[in-house]
Amino acid sequence: MFERIRDARGRLRGVAHVTPIVTSRTLDERAGARVFLKCENLQRVGAFKFRGAFNAISRLGDAERARGVIAYSSGNHAQAVSLVGRLLGVAVTIVMPADAARSKRAATEGYGARVVLYDPATESREEMAGAISAREGQTLVPPYDHPDIVAGQGTAAAELLEQAGPLDFLLTPCGGGGLLSGSAVAARATCPACRTIGVEPALADDATRSFRTKTLHTVKNPPTIADGARTPSLGKVTFPLVLENVADMATVDDAAIEDAVRFLFHRTKLVVEPTGALPVAALLSGAVKIAGRVGVILSGGNVDAETMSRILLGGGGGE
């Protein structure tokens, strides 16, 4: 897999942003570690998902591109696939939950994609996308469970390690495991002493339970504010990679996630969506107690104004 990550870095060079590293003395004091924040909230489309989407779609042949692509997503993957489709001249269809954030749906449509809505309580996005693909001939670009997607996402951690130098720990959010597994592979190959830890919402702890038991667990539309981590389970590609390369998993409750969003806004002046703030929530809440040099991937910044306003007004001062 690391060879795929190196290939993906070449494909993304000059296309994806090399996102900056931000540090905070206050965060270091509260975490008891030297923390390096990799700002994928400043990536194109506002999330790391651009990396995997571009890597996967850029590898398609001419005939596949001519037929178009289809994806299912609550927002960030949708936006990423849509932008890549516009950049590469590929028609895009997105299957999106009817309750997706308005800002994410608007951005997806703004990039030129056709959006097909579904009810997550009664319909399966995978089945709907599969039916449309079978009928219309598009190539499915899954949000996480594909080697090219994983490789693209792993480039964020590879960059972080080059920018910050050797790390003792690497923390990433975990939904379907694309970012986590790709990051863990990159860290293990380039900095073998670095231990990768995935962080999930407590309300969507399927990956943590899967990691602990070595048996795949699932959740059904979990009611967490971290909408990017509402995936039902790890995948056939990501689950084995997580078991092989990840050192540990942790969970945080929604209150801790909101505290982290406020902290990042007030203390670092960064807008980070709840899913992207999961690792910082783990550090601030004590769910993860570590020391040394710690890398954190802030996976995205796409949060609608209403949600962000409610979070910011919910806790005075960001502490």
Protein backbone atom coordinates (compact mmCIF):
# COMPACT_ATOMS: atom_id res chain seq x y z
CA MET A 1 0.00 0.00 0.00
CA PHE A 2 2.83 2.44 0.69
CA GLU A 3 3.89 2.22 -2.97
CA ARG A 4 0.36 3.33 -3.88
CA ILE A 5 0.70 6.26 -1.47
CA ARG A 6 3.96 7.32 -3.12
CA ASP A 7 2.31 7.10 -6.53
CA ALA A 8 -0.63 9.15 -5.23
CA ARG A 9 1.73 11.87 -4.02
CA GLY A 10 3.02 12.21 -7.55
CA ARG A 11 -0.47 12.45 -9.00
CA LEU A 12 -1.50 15.06 -6.44
CA ARG A 13 1.60 17.22 -6.80
CA GLY A 14 0.57 20.65 -8.01
CA VAL A 15 -3.13 19.77 -7.72
CA ALA A 16 -3.82 19.29 -4.01
CA HIS A 17 -2.76 21.94 -1.52
CA VAL A 18 0.21 21.19 0.70
CA THR A 19 -1.71 22.19 3.81
CA PRO A 20 0.04 24.01 6.66
CA ILE A 21 0.99 22.87 10.15
CA VAL A 22 -0.39 24.94 13.05
CA THR A 23 0.75 24.75 16.68
CA SER A 24 -0.71 26.10 19.93
CA ARG A 25 1.10 26.51 23.23
CA THR A 26 -2.22 26.31 25.06
CA LEU A 27 -3.02 23.00 23.36
CA ASP A 28 0.45 21.69 24.19
CA GLU A 29 -0.04 22.60 27.87
CA ARG A 30 -3.45 21.01 28.09
CA ALA A 31 -2.46 17.89 26.17
CA GLY A 32 0.91 17.46 27.90
CA ALA A 33 2.56 17.00 24.52
CA ARG A 34 4.00 18.90 21.56
CA VAL A 35 1.12 18.89 19.08
CA PHE A 36 1.32 19.54 15.34
CA LEU A 37 -2.03 20.19 13.65
CA LYS A 38 -2.18 19.23 9.95
CA CYS A 39 -4.81 21.59 8.53
CA GLU A 40 -6.73 19.54 5.99
CA ASN A 41 -9.64 21.88 6.75
CA LEU A 42 -7.70 24.19 4.39
CA GLN A 43 -7.47 21.56 1.64
CA ARG A 44 -9.42 22.01 -1.62
CA VAL A 45 -13.17 21.55 -0.92
CA GLY A 46 -12.28 22.05 2.75
CA ALA A 47 -11.34 18.44 3.51
CA PHE A 48 -8.78 15.68 3.00
CA LYS A 49 -11.29 13.86 0.79
CA PHE A 50 -9.99 15.73 -2.26
CA ARG A 51 -6.81 13.66 -2.08
CA GLY A 52 -8.47 10.27 -2.41
CA ALA A 53 -11.05 11.41 -4.94
CA PHE A 54 -8.47 12.91 -7.29
CA ASN A 55 -6.17 9.90 -6.99
CA ALA A 56 -8.98 7.44 -7.76
CA ILE A 57 -10.64 9.32 -10.62
CA SER A 58 -7.36 10.35 -12.26
CA ARG A 59 -6.49 6.66 -12.58
CA LEU A 60 -9.63 5.81 -14.60
CA GLY A 61 -9.34 5.02 -18.29
CA ASP A 62 -10.86 7.16 -21.03
CA ALA A 63 -13.89 4.89 -21.46
CA GLU A 64 -14.65 4.97 -17.73
CA ARG A 65 -14.33 8.73 -17.61
CA ALA A 66 -16.67 9.07 -20.57
CA ARG A 67 -19.38 7.10 -18.73
CA GLY A 68 -19.05 9.29 -15.65
CA VAL A 69 -18.72 8.43 -11.98
CA ILE A 70 -21.13 8.02 -9.09
CA ALA A 71 -20.50 8.35 -5.35
CA TYR A 72 -22.47 8.35 -2.11
CA SER A 73 -21.62 10.77 0.68
CA SER A 74 -23.01 13.02 3.39
CA GLY A 75 -20.87 15.87 2.17
CA ASN A 76 -17.07 15.99 2.00
CA HIS A 77 -16.54 13.06 -0.37
CA ALA A 78 -19.44 14.38 -2.43
CA GLN A 79 -17.78 17.76 -2.80
CA ALA A 80 -14.40 16.21 -3.55
CA VAL A 81 -15.69 13.90 -6.29
CA SER A 82 -17.71 16.75 -7.76
CA LEU A 83 -14.73 19.11 -7.95
CA VAL A 84 -12.47 16.42 -9.38
CA GLY A 85 -15.13 15.66 -11.98
CA ARG A 86 -15.17 19.30 -12.99
CA LEU A 87 -11.35 19.45 -13.13
CA LEU A 88 -11.07 16.31 -15.25
CA GLY A 89 -14.19 16.74 -17.37
CA VAL A 90 -16.03 13.76 -15.87
CA ALA A 91 -19.80 13.81 -15.23
CA VAL A 92 -20.66 13.17 -11.57
CA THR A 93 -23.76 11.82 -9.79
CA ILE A 94 -23.91 11.97 -5.99
CA VAL A 95 -26.29 9.98 -3.77
CA MET A 96 -26.70 12.15 -0.68
CA PRO A 97 -28.88 11.85 2.45
CA ALA A 98 -31.86 14.19 2.51
CA ASP A 99 -30.71 15.53 5.88
CA ALA A 100 -27.18 16.42 4.73
CA ALA A 101 -25.90 19.86 5.71
CA ARG A 102 -27.29 22.47 3.34
CA SER A 103 -23.87 24.00 2.83
CA LYS A 104 -22.39 20.66 1.71
CA ARG A 105 -25.25 19.95 -0.70
CA ALA A 106 -25.02 23.48 -2.14
CA ALA A 107 -21.27 23.14 -2.65
CA THR A 108 -21.70 19.73 -4.32
CA GLU A 109 -24.25 21.11 -6.76
CA GLY A 110 -22.11 24.21 -7.24
CA TYR A 111 -19.31 22.03 -8.62
CA GLY A 112 -21.75 20.73 -11.23
CA ALA A 113 -22.78 17.35 -9.83
CA ARG A 114 -26.24 15.83 -10.12
CA VAL A 115 -27.51 15.12 -6.58
CA VAL A 116 -29.93 12.24 -5.89
CA LEU A 117 -31.38 12.34 -2.36
CA TYR A 118 -32.28 9.36 -0.18
CA ASP A 119 -33.81 8.82 3.26
CA PRO A 120 -31.09 7.32 5.51
CA ALA A 121 -33.76 5.93 7.87
CA THR A 122 -35.42 3.81 5.20
CA GLU A 123 -33.08 3.53 2.21
CA SER A 124 -29.55 2.24 1.58
CA ARG A 125 -27.19 4.64 -0.17
CA GLU A 126 -25.05 1.75 -1.37
CA GLU A 127 -28.04 0.00 -2.95
CA MET A 128 -29.30 3.19 -4.55
CA ALA A 129 -25.90 4.06 -5.99
CA GLY A 130 -25.47 0.49 -7.21
CA ALA A 131 -28.82 0.54 -8.97
CA ILE A 132 -28.09 3.85 -10.70
CA SER A 133 -24.63 2.66 -11.70
CA ALA A 134 -26.02 -0.57 -13.16
CA ARG A 135 -28.68 1.34 -15.08
CA GLU A 136 -26.56 4.24 -16.34
CA GLY A 137 -23.04 2.79 -16.45
CA GLN A 138 -21.13 5.11 -14.11
CA THR A 139 -18.05 3.93 -12.21
CA LEU A 140 -18.55 3.88 -8.45
CA VAL A 141 -16.05 5.96 -6.46
CA PRO A 142 -16.60 4.81 -2.84
CA PRO A 143 -15.91 7.19 0.06
CA TYR A 144 -13.25 5.07 1.73
CA ASP A 145 -13.19 1.37 0.88
CA HIS A 146 -10.93 1.35 -2.18
CA PRO A 147 -7.12 1.07 -2.44
CA ASP A 148 -6.82 4.24 -4.54
CA ILE A 149 -8.93 6.21 -2.07
CA VAL A 150 -6.88 4.93 0.89
CA ALA A 151 -3.63 5.76 -0.92
CA GLY A 152 -4.75 9.29 -1.66
CA GLN A 153 -5.80 9.90 1.94
CA GLY A 154 -2.48 8.54 3.19
CA THR A 155 -0.65 11.37 1.46
CA ALA A 156 -1.82 13.79 4.20
CA ALA A 157 0.09 11.87 6.88
CA ALA A 158 3.13 11.48 4.62
CA GLU A 159 3.19 15.26 4.17
CA LEU A 160 2.73 15.86 7.89
CA LEU A 161 5.72 13.69 8.74
CA GLU A 162 7.88 15.55 6.23
CA GLN A 163 6.77 18.94 7.58
CA ALA A 164 6.92 18.22 11.32
CA GLY A 165 9.68 15.62 11.42
CA PRO A 166 9.56 12.34 13.38
CA LEU A 167 6.50 11.85 15.57
CA ASP A 168 5.81 9.65 18.57
CA PHE A 169 2.07 9.50 17.87
CA LEU A 170 -0.31 10.29 15.03
CA LEU A 171 -4.01 10.89 15.73
CA THR A 172 -6.66 10.91 13.02
CA PRO A 173 -10.46 10.87 12.93
CA CYS A 174 -12.08 7.60 11.96
CA GLY A 175 -15.28 7.04 10.02
CA GLY A 176 -14.93 4.33 7.40
CA GLY A 177 -11.19 4.12 7.99
CA GLY A 178 -9.82 5.50 4.72
CA LEU A 179 -7.88 8.33 6.35
CA LEU A 180 -6.93 6.25 9.38
CA SER A 181 -5.66 3.24 7.44
CA GLY A 182 -3.81 5.32 4.85
CA SER A 183 -2.24 7.46 7.57
CA ALA A 184 -1.19 4.42 9.58
CA VAL A 185 0.45 2.82 6.54
CA ALA A 186 2.31 6.05 5.73
CA ALA A 187 3.46 6.51 9.32
CA ARG A 188 4.62 2.92 9.70
CA ALA A 189 6.64 3.10 6.48
CA THR A 190 8.29 6.48 7.06
CA CYS A 191 8.49 6.67 10.86
CA PRO A 192 8.29 3.13 12.29
CA ALA A 193 8.37 4.31 15.92
CA CYS A 194 5.23 6.44 15.41
CA ARG A 195 2.05 4.91 16.87
CA THR A 196 -1.17 5.75 15.03
CA ILE A 197 -4.39 6.15 17.02
CA GLY A 198 -7.87 6.49 15.51
CA VAL A 199 -10.56 8.54 17.24
CA GLU A 200 -14.31 7.99 16.88
CA PRO A 201 -17.48 9.47 18.39
CA ALA A 202 -18.73 7.37 21.30
CA LEU A 203 -22.11 7.19 19.54
CA ALA A 204 -20.46 5.68 16.45
CA ASP A 205 -17.86 3.36 17.97
CA ASP A 206 -18.07 0.53 15.44
CA ALA A 207 -14.41 0.77 14.43
CA THR A 208 -13.25 0.77 18.05
CA ARG A 209 -15.31 -2.33 18.81
CA SER A 210 -14.06 -3.94 15.61
CA PHE A 211 -10.46 -3.14 16.52
CA ARG A 212 -10.82 -4.54 20.04
CA THR A 213 -12.61 -7.75 19.06
CA LYS A 214 -10.97 -8.29 15.64
CA THR A 215 -14.51 -8.84 14.35
CA LEU A 216 -16.29 -6.31 12.13
CA HIS A 217 -19.04 -4.37 13.94
CA THR A 218 -21.58 -2.01 12.40
CA VAL A 219 -23.77 0.93 13.45
CA LYS A 220 -26.96 2.22 11.84
CA ASN A 221 -27.14 5.98 11.22
CA PRO A 222 -25.68 6.95 14.64
CA PRO A 223 -26.95 10.29 16.03
CA THR A 224 -23.56 11.96 16.53
CA ILE A 225 -22.79 15.56 15.63
CA ALA A 226 -19.72 14.25 13.80
CA ASP A 227 -21.59 13.54 10.58
CA GLY A 228 -18.45 12.43 8.72
CA ALA A 229 -18.12 9.50 11.14
CA ARG A 230 -21.65 8.13 10.67
CA THR A 231 -20.39 5.42 8.34
CA PRO A 232 -21.86 2.00 9.19
CA SER A 233 -18.55 0.14 9.49
CA LEU A 234 -14.96 -0.21 8.40
CA GLY A 235 -14.61 -1.73 4.93
CA LYS A 236 -13.14 -4.83 3.34
CA VAL A 237 -10.04 -2.83 2.38
CA THR A 238 -9.73 -0.61 5.46
CA PHE A 239 -10.49 -3.10 8.25
CA PRO A 240 -7.43 -5.35 7.62
CA LEU A 241 -5.20 -2.29 7.19
CA VAL A 242 -6.44 -0.87 10.50
CA LEU A 243 -5.82 -4.14 12.32
CA GLU A 244 -2.31 -4.41 10.86
CA ASN A 245 -1.11 -0.83 11.20
CA VAL A 246 -3.08 1.03 13.90
CA ALA A 247 -1.79 0.98 17.48
CA ASP A 248 -5.00 1.91 19.31
CA MET A 249 -8.49 3.40 19.08
CA ALA A 250 -10.30 5.88 21.34
CA THR A 251 -13.78 7.39 21.56
CA VAL A 252 -15.09 10.77 22.71
CA ASP A 253 -18.61 11.96 23.46
CA ASP A 254 -20.34 14.71 21.52
CA ALA A 255 -19.85 17.25 24.31
CA ALA A 256 -16.07 16.77 24.08
CA ILE A 257 -16.25 17.14 20.29
CA GLU A 258 -18.06 20.45 20.62
CA ASP A 259 -15.53 21.61 23.22
CA ALA A 260 -12.75 20.84 20.73
CA VAL A 261 -14.47 22.76 17.92
CA ARG A 262 -14.78 25.78 20.24
CA PHE A 263 -11.17 25.46 21.40
CA LEU A 264 -9.84 25.35 17.85
CA PHE A 265 -11.95 28.34 16.86
CA HIS A 266 -11.02 30.53 19.80
CA ARG A 267 -7.43 29.46 20.41
CA THR A 268 -6.08 28.67 16.93
CA LYS A 269 -8.57 30.69 14.83
CA LEU A 270 -9.36 27.60 12.78
CA VAL A 271 -12.81 26.56 11.59
CA VAL A 272 -12.93 22.78 12.00
CA GLU A 273 -16.01 20.62 11.57
CA PRO A 274 -16.95 18.24 14.40
CA THR A 275 -15.52 15.16 12.68
CA GLY A 276 -12.25 16.96 12.03
CA ALA A 277 -11.98 17.92 15.70
CA LEU A 278 -12.17 14.32 17.00
CA PRO A 279 -8.41 13.93 17.74
CA VAL A 280 -8.23 17.27 19.54
CA ALA A 281 -11.30 16.24 21.55
CA ALA A 282 -9.43 13.11 22.60
CA LEU A 283 -6.41 15.13 23.73
CA LEU A 284 -8.39 17.80 25.60
CA SER A 285 -10.77 15.37 27.31
CA GLY A 286 -8.07 12.91 28.37
CA ALA A 287 -9.55 10.09 26.31
CA VAL A 288 -6.01 9.76 24.92
CA LYS A 289 -3.16 10.38 27.37
CA ILE A 290 0.14 10.59 25.52
CA ALA A 291 3.35 12.61 25.57
CA GLY A 292 6.10 13.54 23.16
CA ARG A 293 5.62 14.78 19.61
CA VAL A 294 2.07 14.26 18.41
CA GLY A 295 0.69 14.78 14.91
CA VAL A 296 -3.02 15.45 14.48
CA ILE A 297 -4.92 15.52 11.21
CA LEU A 298 -7.75 18.06 11.24
CA SER A 299 -9.67 16.31 8.49
CA GLY A 300 -12.11 19.03 7.41
CA GLY A 301 -13.70 22.41 7.96
CA ASN A 302 -17.08 22.08 6.26
CA VAL A 303 -19.61 22.97 8.94
CA ASP A 304 -22.77 24.94 8.23
CA ALA A 305 -23.29 28.30 9.87
CA GLU A 306 -26.22 27.18 12.00
CA THR A 307 -24.32 24.25 13.52
CA MET A 308 -21.18 26.30 14.10
CA SER A 309 -23.15 29.12 15.73
CA ARG A 310 -24.90 26.67 18.05
CA ILE A 311 -21.59 25.08 19.06
CA LEU A 312 -19.87 28.41 19.66
CA LEU A 313 -22.76 29.74 21.71
CA GLY A 314 -22.97 26.52 23.68
CA GLY A 315 -19.88 26.92 25.79
CA GLY A 316 -18.36 30.31 26.61
CA GLY A 317 -14.78 31.02 25.77
CA GLY A 318 -13.82 27.85 23.98
CA GLU A 319 -12.35 26.23 27.08
